[in-house]
Amino acid sequence: QVQLVQSGGGLVQAGGSLRLSCAASGRTFSNYAMGWFRQAPGKEREFVAAISWSGTTSYYADSVKGRFTISRDNVQKWVSLQMNSLKNEDTAVYFCAAKQTLARIAAAIPAYEFNAWGQGTQVTVSS
């Protein structure tokens, strides 16, 4: 099992950028696909992006495609989400998550399939 600790986030103006990071502990980080989800007030948690254990495949929600980039480092044991061209509708609490799988990523992954979660971090985009 991995444990996940998030950092980053905060307040940014529309059009700006933020980077979220998620540090993992445990020896088997490379056995996990990693994902990012977000939850806005009054809304369900939604998929944002995921990356395979090797980092060779990834998938993005249509709402963030072309603006967000997920990446990982299996040696340093972290995953990050670079968010550019932020919009008001990106405002939410963001969560990183880990799913134990060696499959390639070709579609969004439901939240219930993830085994471990970070504590969440607030991202607020102002006009």
Foldseek 3Di string as FASTA:
>chain_A
DKAKAKDWADEEAAQAKIKIKIAIDDDPLLQKKKFKWWDAPPGDIGGAKIAASVRPAMDGDPVQPPFWDWGADNVRRMIMIIGGNDDQVVWTWMKMFIARHRDGDDDTDDPVRTDYMYPTDTHGYHD
